[in-house]
Amino acid sequence: MKKLLCIILAMVMLLSLAACGADDKKTDIPAGKTTPAGTTPAGDKTDEGNGQPAGSDPGSVEKAVDGTLKLSTANLAIDINGTAVAMPYAMTDIIAAGVSVDEYIQQIELSAGDYFTPNLFIDEDWNYGISPNYYNGSDKTVSITEAKAESIGMFTYEEAPKDQNISILGIKFGMTKAEVTSLLGEPMWNEADEFQWLVSVSDGNLEGNFIVTFASEAEDATVSEVNLSVHEPW
């Protein structure tokens, strides 16, 4: 009888240990950490297929109506190597996205009210870059790494631009005019080698413009420069 009781107790203990082991496999993501690529915390709503929180895709933009793009603040992000860097485009966030920024640029200081637009190259040959327009809105001198920007651009010196895995509003280097209008709709102004849309940001009380420049006026010319600028209504 005692032997039978021992066997039963041993089985109960094994079942308890198995249950504890299953619970130990559930790992919480520490505060401030991001979810591993390809996963989403339980309960979060995601856009189907991309693993990002619903509505956070910077390239998910509705076509323009009468030349005006109606955006959300999430749309204002620049996508760098699959990482969305949100406005105000902090230099530390750009570096974290994989852009190498020279030390001397990081040491630049802005006096109160100053603007500075560094060219941050994303390739070793310095043919492609991004250009956030930083502004010091405080009343004291700050490091450029503390400054904020409400406008950003991407540019290239190549005559035949190629995609560099970087985009603003879904527009990439190397896209044709037809591909751009297919994505964003017709611009407010069409200057052959430059398209311009007005911008309205519903959840940020912001307005501005979005300009796409092409390598030439030719119909098959491709994107060589993109600029997004927003501000509070004047």
C-alpha atoms as a PDB file:
ATOM      1  CA  MET A   1       0.000   0.000   0.000  1.00  0.00           C
ATOM      2  CA  LYS A   2       2.823   2.404   0.922  1.00  0.00           C
ATOM      3  CA  LYS A   3       4.559   1.592  -2.353  1.00  0.00           C
ATOM      4  CA  LEU A   4       1.398   2.434  -4.302  1.00  0.00           C
ATOM      5  CA  LEU A   5       1.041   5.775  -2.461  1.00  0.00           C
ATOM      6  CA  CYS A   6       4.673   6.650  -3.276  1.00  0.00           C
ATOM      7  CA  ILE A   7       4.101   5.918  -6.958  1.00  0.00           C
ATOM      8  CA  ILE A   8       0.975   8.125  -7.004  1.00  0.00           C
ATOM      9  CA  LEU A   9       2.804  11.000  -5.234  1.00  0.00           C
ATOM     10  CA  ALA A  10       5.725  10.736  -7.692  1.00  0.00           C
ATOM     11  CA  MET A  11       3.325  10.959 -10.649  1.00  0.00           C
ATOM     12  CA  VAL A  12       1.644  14.059  -9.170  1.00  0.00           C
ATOM     13  CA  MET A  13       5.047  15.749  -8.695  1.00  0.00           C
ATOM     14  CA  LEU A  14       6.076  14.978 -12.273  1.00  0.00           C
ATOM     15  CA  LEU A  15       2.858  16.484 -13.628  1.00  0.00           C
ATOM     16  CA  SER A  16       3.395  19.610 -11.498  1.00  0.00           C
ATOM     17  CA  LEU A  17       6.972  20.018 -12.744  1.00  0.00           C
ATOM     18  CA  ALA A  18       5.843  19.637 -16.376  1.00  0.00           C
ATOM     19  CA  ALA A  19       3.247  22.383 -15.916  1.00  0.00           C
ATOM     20  CA  CYS A  20       5.854  24.712 -14.384  1.00  0.00           C
ATOM     21  CA  GLY A  21       8.246  24.010 -17.245  1.00  0.00           C
ATOM     22  CA  ALA A  22       5.606  24.995 -19.802  1.00  0.00           C
ATOM     23  CA  ASP A  23       5.023  28.315 -18.011  1.00  0.00           C
ATOM     24  CA  ASP A  24       8.778  29.038 -17.913  1.00  0.00           C
ATOM     25  CA  LYS A  25       8.909  29.003 -21.725  1.00  0.00           C
ATOM     26  CA  LYS A  26       6.722  32.134 -21.884  1.00  0.00           C
ATOM     27  CA  THR A  27       9.124  35.104 -21.896  1.00  0.00           C
ATOM     28  CA  ASP A  28       7.989  38.675 -21.392  1.00  0.00           C
ATOM     29  CA  ILE A  29       9.646  41.417 -23.452  1.00  0.00           C
ATOM     30  CA  PRO A  30      11.443  43.798 -21.051  1.00  0.00           C
ATOM     31  CA  ALA A  31      10.236  47.400 -20.971  1.00  0.00           C
ATOM     32  CA  GLY A  32      11.843  49.462 -23.704  1.00  0.00           C
ATOM     33  CA  LYS A  33      12.754  46.441 -25.842  1.00  0.00           C
ATOM     34  CA  THR A  34      11.274  45.721 -29.247  1.00  0.00           C
ATOM     35  CA  THR A  35       9.542  42.557 -30.342  1.00  0.00           C
ATOM     36  CA  PRO A  36      11.815  40.140 -32.236  1.00  0.00           C
ATOM     37  CA  ALA A  37      11.481  40.425 -36.014  1.00  0.00           C
ATOM     38  CA  GLY A  38       8.473  38.602 -37.396  1.00  0.00           C
ATOM     39  CA  THR A  39       6.607  38.422 -34.067  1.00  0.00           C
ATOM     40  CA  THR A  40       3.933  40.522 -32.436  1.00  0.00           C
ATOM     41  CA  PRO A  41       3.009  40.763 -28.729  1.00  0.00           C
ATOM     42  CA  ALA A  42      -0.264  38.982 -27.945  1.00  0.00           C
ATOM     43  CA  GLY A  43      -3.269  41.256 -28.222  1.00  0.00           C
ATOM     44  CA  ASP A  44      -1.644  43.753 -30.626  1.00  0.00           C
ATOM     45  CA  LYS A  45      -3.499  44.409 -33.860  1.00  0.00           C
ATOM     46  CA  THR A  46      -1.269  44.147 -36.907  1.00  0.00           C
ATOM     47  CA  ASP A  47      -1.501  44.925 -40.567  1.00  0.00           C
ATOM     48  CA  GLU A  48      -1.834  41.576 -42.293  1.00  0.00           C
ATOM     49  CA  GLY A  49       1.468  40.260 -43.587  1.00  0.00           C
ATOM     50  CA  ASN A  50       3.917  42.888 -42.308  1.00  0.00           C
ATOM     51  CA  GLY A  51       3.950  42.347 -38.533  1.00  0.00           C
ATOM     52  CA  GLN A  52       3.627  46.087 -37.802  1.00  0.00           C
ATOM     53  CA  PRO A  53       0.954  47.659 -35.587  1.00  0.00           C
ATOM     54  CA  ALA A  54      -2.122  48.546 -37.628  1.00  0.00           C
ATOM     55  CA  GLY A  55      -1.847  51.984 -39.229  1.00  0.00           C
ATOM     56  CA  SER A  56       1.892  52.360 -38.522  1.00  0.00           C
ATOM     57  CA  ASP A  57       3.183  51.515 -42.004  1.00  0.00           C
ATOM     58  CA  PRO A  58       4.851  54.717 -43.291  1.00  0.00           C
ATOM     59  CA  GLY A  59       4.234  53.620 -46.874  1.00  0.00           C
ATOM     60  CA  SER A  60       0.498  52.992 -46.407  1.00  0.00           C
ATOM     61  CA  VAL A  61      -0.767  56.203 -47.991  1.00  0.00           C
ATOM     62  CA  GLU A  62      -4.121  56.893 -49.607  1.00  0.00           C
ATOM     63  CA  LYS A  63      -4.092  58.441 -53.071  1.00  0.00           C
ATOM     64  CA  ALA A  64      -4.288  62.213 -53.279  1.00  0.00           C
ATOM     65  CA  VAL A  65      -7.625  63.967 -53.648  1.00  0.00           C
ATOM     66  CA  ASP A  66      -7.386  67.127 -55.785  1.00  0.00           C
ATOM     67  CA  GLY A  67      -3.614  67.079 -55.361  1.00  0.00           C
ATOM     68  CA  THR A  68      -3.679  66.818 -51.565  1.00  0.00           C
ATOM     69  CA  LEU A  69      -2.327  63.844 -49.605  1.00  0.00           C
ATOM     70  CA  LYS A  70      -4.240  63.231 -46.393  1.00  0.00           C
ATOM     71  CA  LEU A  71      -1.765  61.643 -43.986  1.00  0.00           C
ATOM     72  CA  SER A  72      -1.366  60.558 -40.381  1.00  0.00           C
ATOM     73  CA  THR A  73       1.735  61.260 -38.294  1.00  0.00           C
ATOM     74  CA  ALA A  74       2.749  57.603 -38.785  1.00  0.00           C
ATOM     75  CA  ASN A  75       2.975  58.228 -42.546  1.00  0.00           C
ATOM     76  CA  LEU A  76       5.614  60.933 -42.000  1.00  0.00           C
ATOM     77  CA  ALA A  77       8.296  58.389 -41.068  1.00  0.00           C
ATOM     78  CA  ILE A  78      11.220  57.709 -43.377  1.00  0.00           C
ATOM     79  CA  ASP A  79      11.796  54.001 -43.928  1.00  0.00           C
ATOM     80  CA  ILE A  80      15.480  53.053 -43.759  1.00  0.00           C
ATOM     81  CA  ASN A  81      16.394  49.418 -44.334  1.00  0.00           C
ATOM     82  CA  GLY A  82      12.980  48.331 -43.074  1.00  0.00           C
ATOM     83  CA  THR A  83      13.103  50.549 -39.974  1.00  0.00           C
ATOM     84  CA  ALA A  84      10.588  53.395 -39.723  1.00  0.00           C
ATOM     85  CA  VAL A  85      12.259  56.530 -38.305  1.00  0.00           C
ATOM     86  CA  ALA A  86       9.440  58.790 -37.159  1.00  0.00           C
ATOM     87  CA  MET A  87       9.326  62.565 -37.284  1.00  0.00           C
ATOM     88  CA  PRO A  88      11.183  64.487 -35.710  1.00  0.00           C
ATOM     89  CA  TYR A  89      13.861  62.238 -37.282  1.00  0.00           C
ATOM     90  CA  ALA A  90      16.241  62.200 -34.310  1.00  0.00           C
ATOM     91  CA  MET A  91      19.808  61.618 -35.443  1.00  0.00           C
ATOM     92  CA  THR A  92      20.191  58.860 -32.855  1.00  0.00           C
ATOM     93  CA  ASP A  93      17.220  57.028 -34.441  1.00  0.00           C
ATOM     94  CA  ILE A  94      18.724  57.436 -37.920  1.00  0.00           C
ATOM     95  CA  ILE A  95      22.013  55.975 -36.688  1.00  0.00           C
ATOM     96  CA  ALA A  96      20.134  53.096 -35.036  1.00  0.00           C
ATOM     97  CA  ALA A  97      18.506  52.372 -38.416  1.00  0.00           C
ATOM     98  CA  GLY A  98      21.934  51.682 -39.889  1.00  0.00           C
ATOM     99  CA  VAL A  99      23.082  55.048 -41.274  1.00  0.00           C
ATOM    100  CA  SER A 100      26.723  55.823 -40.519  1.00  0.00           C
ATOM    101  CA  VAL A 101      27.092  59.433 -39.332  1.00  0.00           C
ATOM    102  CA  ASP A 102      30.564  60.982 -39.019  1.00  0.00           C
ATOM    103  CA  GLU A 103      31.605  61.953 -35.524  1.00  0.00           C
ATOM    104  CA  TYR A 104      32.197  65.594 -36.486  1.00  0.00           C
ATOM    105  CA  ILE A 105      28.551  65.910 -37.582  1.00  0.00           C
ATOM    106  CA  GLN A 106      27.354  64.485 -34.270  1.00  0.00           C
ATOM    107  CA  GLN A 107      29.417  67.150 -32.470  1.00  0.00           C
ATOM    108  CA  ILE A 108      27.731  70.083 -34.234  1.00  0.00           C
ATOM    109  CA  GLU A 109      25.904  72.461 -31.893  1.00  0.00           C
ATOM    110  CA  LEU A 110      22.939  74.662 -32.786  1.00  0.00           C
ATOM    111  CA  SER A 111      22.323  78.008 -31.133  1.00  0.00           C
ATOM    112  CA  ALA A 112      18.773  79.028 -30.248  1.00  0.00           C
ATOM    113  CA  GLY A 113      16.730  79.410 -33.441  1.00  0.00           C
ATOM    114  CA  ASP A 114      19.386  77.871 -35.702  1.00  0.00           C
ATOM    115  CA  TYR A 115      18.749  75.467 -38.593  1.00  0.00           C
ATOM    116  CA  PHE A 116      21.180  72.933 -40.036  1.00  0.00           C
ATOM    117  CA  THR A 117      20.685  70.303 -42.746  1.00  0.00           C
ATOM    118  CA  PRO A 118      23.438  67.664 -42.821  1.00  0.00           C
ATOM    119  CA  ASN A 119      23.851  65.327 -45.780  1.00  0.00           C
ATOM    120  CA  LEU A 120      23.951  61.822 -44.294  1.00  0.00           C
ATOM    121  CA  PHE A 121      25.209  59.395 -46.920  1.00  0.00           C
ATOM    122  CA  ILE A 122      23.853  55.867 -46.927  1.00  0.00           C
ATOM    123  CA  ASP A 123      26.375  54.299 -49.300  1.00  0.00           C
ATOM    124  CA  GLU A 124      30.174  54.014 -49.278  1.00  0.00           C
ATOM    125  CA  ASP A 125      30.552  55.983 -52.524  1.00  0.00           C
ATOM    126  CA  TRP A 126      28.579  58.982 -51.219  1.00  0.00           C
ATOM    127  CA  ASN A 127      26.119  58.833 -54.101  1.00  0.00           C
ATOM    128  CA  TYR A 128      22.932  58.451 -52.042  1.00  0.00           C
ATOM    129  CA  GLY A 129      21.925  60.281 -48.892  1.00  0.00           C
ATOM    130  CA  ILE A 130      19.227  61.665 -46.644  1.00  0.00           C
ATOM    131  CA  SER A 131      18.923  65.248 -45.389  1.00  0.00           C
ATOM    132  CA  PRO A 132      16.893  66.008 -42.239  1.00  0.00           C
ATOM    133  CA  ASN A 133      16.468  69.751 -41.644  1.00  0.00           C
ATOM    134  CA  TYR A 134      17.194  70.146 -37.916  1.00  0.00           C
ATOM    135  CA  TYR A 135      15.982  73.138 -35.913  1.00  0.00           C
ATOM    136  CA  ASN A 136      16.744  74.275 -32.381  1.00  0.00           C
ATOM    137  CA  GLY A 137      13.472  75.608 -31.011  1.00  0.00           C
ATOM    138  CA  SER A 138      14.780  76.054 -27.462  1.00  0.00           C
ATOM    139  CA  ASP A 139      16.353  79.145 -25.896  1.00  0.00           C
ATOM    140  CA  LYS A 140      19.744  77.499 -25.339  1.00  0.00           C
ATOM    141  CA  THR A 141      22.482  75.879 -27.429  1.00  0.00           C
ATOM    142  CA  VAL A 142      21.942  72.157 -28.032  1.00  0.00           C
ATOM    143  CA  SER A 143      23.762  69.312 -29.758  1.00  0.00           C
ATOM    144  CA  ILE A 144      22.422  68.407 -33.189  1.00  0.00           C
ATOM    145  CA  THR A 145      21.646  64.968 -31.732  1.00  0.00           C
ATOM    146  CA  GLU A 146      19.075  66.708 -29.503  1.00  0.00           C
ATOM    147  CA  ALA A 147      17.553  68.821 -32.282  1.00  0.00           C
ATOM    148  CA  LYS A 148      14.338  67.990 -34.118  1.00  0.00           C
ATOM    149  CA  ALA A 149      13.270  68.189 -37.756  1.00  0.00           C
ATOM    150  CA  GLU A 150       9.904  68.674 -39.454  1.00  0.00           C
ATOM    151  CA  SER A 151      11.268  68.145 -42.950  1.00  0.00           C
ATOM    152  CA  ILE A 152      13.462  65.485 -44.499  1.00  0.00           C
ATOM    153  CA  GLY A 153      14.706  64.583 -47.924  1.00  0.00           C
ATOM    154  CA  MET A 154      16.519  61.831 -49.800  1.00  0.00           C
ATOM    155  CA  PHE A 155      18.790  62.545 -52.757  1.00  0.00           C
ATOM    156  CA  THR A 156      21.250  60.977 -55.174  1.00  0.00           C
ATOM    157  CA  TYR A 157      23.937  62.129 -57.593  1.00  0.00           C
ATOM    158  CA  GLU A 158      23.388  59.115 -59.853  1.00  0.00           C
ATOM    159  CA  GLU A 159      22.027  59.745 -63.357  1.00  0.00           C
ATOM    160  CA  ALA A 160      20.193  56.409 -63.268  1.00  0.00           C
ATOM    161  CA  PRO A 161      19.037  56.052 -59.625  1.00  0.00           C
ATOM    162  CA  LYS A 162      18.495  52.594 -58.168  1.00  0.00           C
ATOM    163  CA  ASP A 163      16.493  51.480 -55.142  1.00  0.00           C
ATOM    164  CA  GLN A 164      18.547  51.759 -51.919  1.00  0.00           C
ATOM    165  CA  ASN A 165      15.955  50.252 -49.546  1.00  0.00           C
ATOM    166  CA  ILE A 166      14.922  53.692 -48.349  1.00  0.00           C
ATOM    167  CA  SER A 167      11.613  55.489 -48.902  1.00  0.00           C
ATOM    168  CA  ILE A 168       9.371  58.386 -47.899  1.00  0.00           C
ATOM    169  CA  LEU A 169       5.595  57.899 -48.306  1.00  0.00           C
ATOM    170  CA  GLY A 170       6.492  54.703 -50.147  1.00  0.00           C
ATOM    171  CA  ILE A 171       8.483  56.541 -52.836  1.00  0.00           C
ATOM    172  CA  LYS A 172      11.904  55.010 -53.582  1.00  0.00           C
ATOM    173  CA  PHE A 173      14.856  55.872 -55.785  1.00  0.00           C
ATOM    174  CA  GLY A 174      14.445  54.489 -59.294  1.00  0.00           C
ATOM    175  CA  MET A 175      10.627  54.586 -59.430  1.00  0.00           C
ATOM    176  CA  THR A 176       9.113  55.848 -62.694  1.00  0.00           C
ATOM    177  CA  LYS A 177       6.610  58.687 -62.981  1.00  0.00           C
ATOM    178  CA  ALA A 178       3.844  56.195 -63.696  1.00  0.00           C
ATOM    179  CA  GLU A 179       4.755  54.179 -60.591  1.00  0.00           C
ATOM    180  CA  VAL A 180       4.724  57.316 -58.429  1.00  0.00           C
ATOM    181  CA  THR A 181       1.304  58.509 -59.595  1.00  0.00           C
ATOM    182  CA  SER A 182      -0.044  54.965 -59.390  1.00  0.00           C
ATOM    183  CA  LEU A 183       0.871  54.981 -55.694  1.00  0.00           C
ATOM    184  CA  LEU A 184       0.053  58.579 -54.699  1.00  0.00           C
ATOM    185  CA  GLY A 185      -2.378  59.784 -57.349  1.00  0.00           C
ATOM    186  CA  GLU A 186      -2.030  62.893 -59.492  1.00  0.00           C
ATOM    187  CA  PRO A 187       0.026  65.779 -58.049  1.00  0.00           C
ATOM    188  CA  MET A 188      -1.177  69.327 -57.514  1.00  0.00           C
ATOM    189  CA  TRP A 189       1.627  70.577 -59.780  1.00  0.00           C
ATOM    190  CA  ASN A 190       3.341  68.645 -62.579  1.00  0.00           C
ATOM    191  CA  GLU A 191       6.519  70.335 -63.865  1.00  0.00           C
ATOM    192  CA  ALA A 192       7.682  67.428 -66.066  1.00  0.00           C
ATOM    193  CA  ASP A 193      10.749  66.669 -63.934  1.00  0.00           C
ATOM    194  CA  GLU A 194       9.072  67.501 -60.603  1.00  0.00           C
ATOM    195  CA  PHE A 195       5.751  66.512 -59.029  1.00  0.00           C
ATOM    196  CA  GLN A 196       4.378  68.335 -55.995  1.00  0.00           C
ATOM    197  CA  TRP A 197       1.485  67.477 -53.672  1.00  0.00           C
ATOM    198  CA  LEU A 198      -0.003  69.407 -50.780  1.00  0.00           C
ATOM    199  CA  VAL A 199       0.013  67.558 -47.447  1.00  0.00           C
ATOM    200  CA  SER A 200      -2.551  67.542 -44.641  1.00  0.00           C
ATOM    201  CA  VAL A 201      -1.881  65.636 -41.410  1.00  0.00           C
ATOM    202  CA  SER A 202      -5.176  64.987 -39.654  1.00  0.00           C
ATOM    203  CA  ASP A 203      -3.920  63.781 -36.271  1.00  0.00           C
ATOM    204  CA  GLY A 204      -1.058  66.281 -35.911  1.00  0.00           C
ATOM    205  CA  ASN A 205      -2.587  69.613 -36.995  1.00  0.00           C
ATOM    206  CA  LEU A 206       0.135  69.916 -39.625  1.00  0.00           C
ATOM    207  CA  GLU A 207       0.262  70.868 -43.291  1.00  0.00           C
ATOM    208  CA  GLY A 208       2.986  71.123 -45.895  1.00  0.00           C
ATOM    209  CA  ASN A 209       4.130  69.674 -49.186  1.00  0.00           C
ATOM    210  CA  PHE A 210       5.680  66.604 -50.744  1.00  0.00           C
ATOM    211  CA  ILE A 211       7.981  66.964 -53.738  1.00  0.00           C
ATOM    212  CA  VAL A 212       9.320  64.207 -55.979  1.00  0.00           C
ATOM    213  CA  THR A 213      12.061  65.138 -58.457  1.00  0.00           C
ATOM    214  CA  PHE A 214      13.061  62.986 -61.418  1.00  0.00           C
ATOM    215  CA  ALA A 215      16.438  62.598 -63.122  1.00  0.00           C
ATOM    216  CA  SER A 216      15.094  64.316 -66.266  1.00  0.00           C
ATOM    217  CA  GLU A 217      11.923  65.492 -67.983  1.00  0.00           C
ATOM    218  CA  ALA A 218      11.712  62.271 -70.018  1.00  0.00           C
ATOM    219  CA  GLU A 219       8.579  60.184 -69.550  1.00  0.00           C
ATOM    220  CA  ASP A 220      10.647  57.193 -68.404  1.00  0.00           C
ATOM    221  CA  ALA A 221      12.817  59.237 -66.009  1.00  0.00           C
ATOM    222  CA  THR A 222      13.130  57.859 -62.491  1.00  0.00           C
ATOM    223  CA  VAL A 223      13.071  59.327 -58.973  1.00  0.00           C
ATOM    224  CA  SER A 224      16.293  61.079 -57.950  1.00  0.00           C
ATOM    225  CA  GLU A 225      15.125  63.241 -55.043  1.00  0.00           C
ATOM    226  CA  VAL A 226      12.256  63.275 -52.539  1.00  0.00           C
ATOM    227  CA  ASN A 227      11.391  65.975 -50.002  1.00  0.00           C
ATOM    228  CA  LEU A 228       8.705  65.993 -47.298  1.00  0.00           C
ATOM    229  CA  SER A 229       8.085  69.133 -45.258  1.00  0.00           C
ATOM    230  CA  VAL A 230       5.335  69.857 -42.720  1.00  0.00           C
ATOM    231  CA  HIS A 231       4.584  72.680 -40.282  1.00  0.00           C
ATOM    232  CA  GLU A 232       1.814  74.044 -38.114  1.00  0.00           C
ATOM    233  CA  PRO A 233      -0.826  75.966 -40.104  1.00  0.00           C
ATOM    234  CA  TRP A 234       0.184  79.583 -40.721  1.00  0.00           C
END
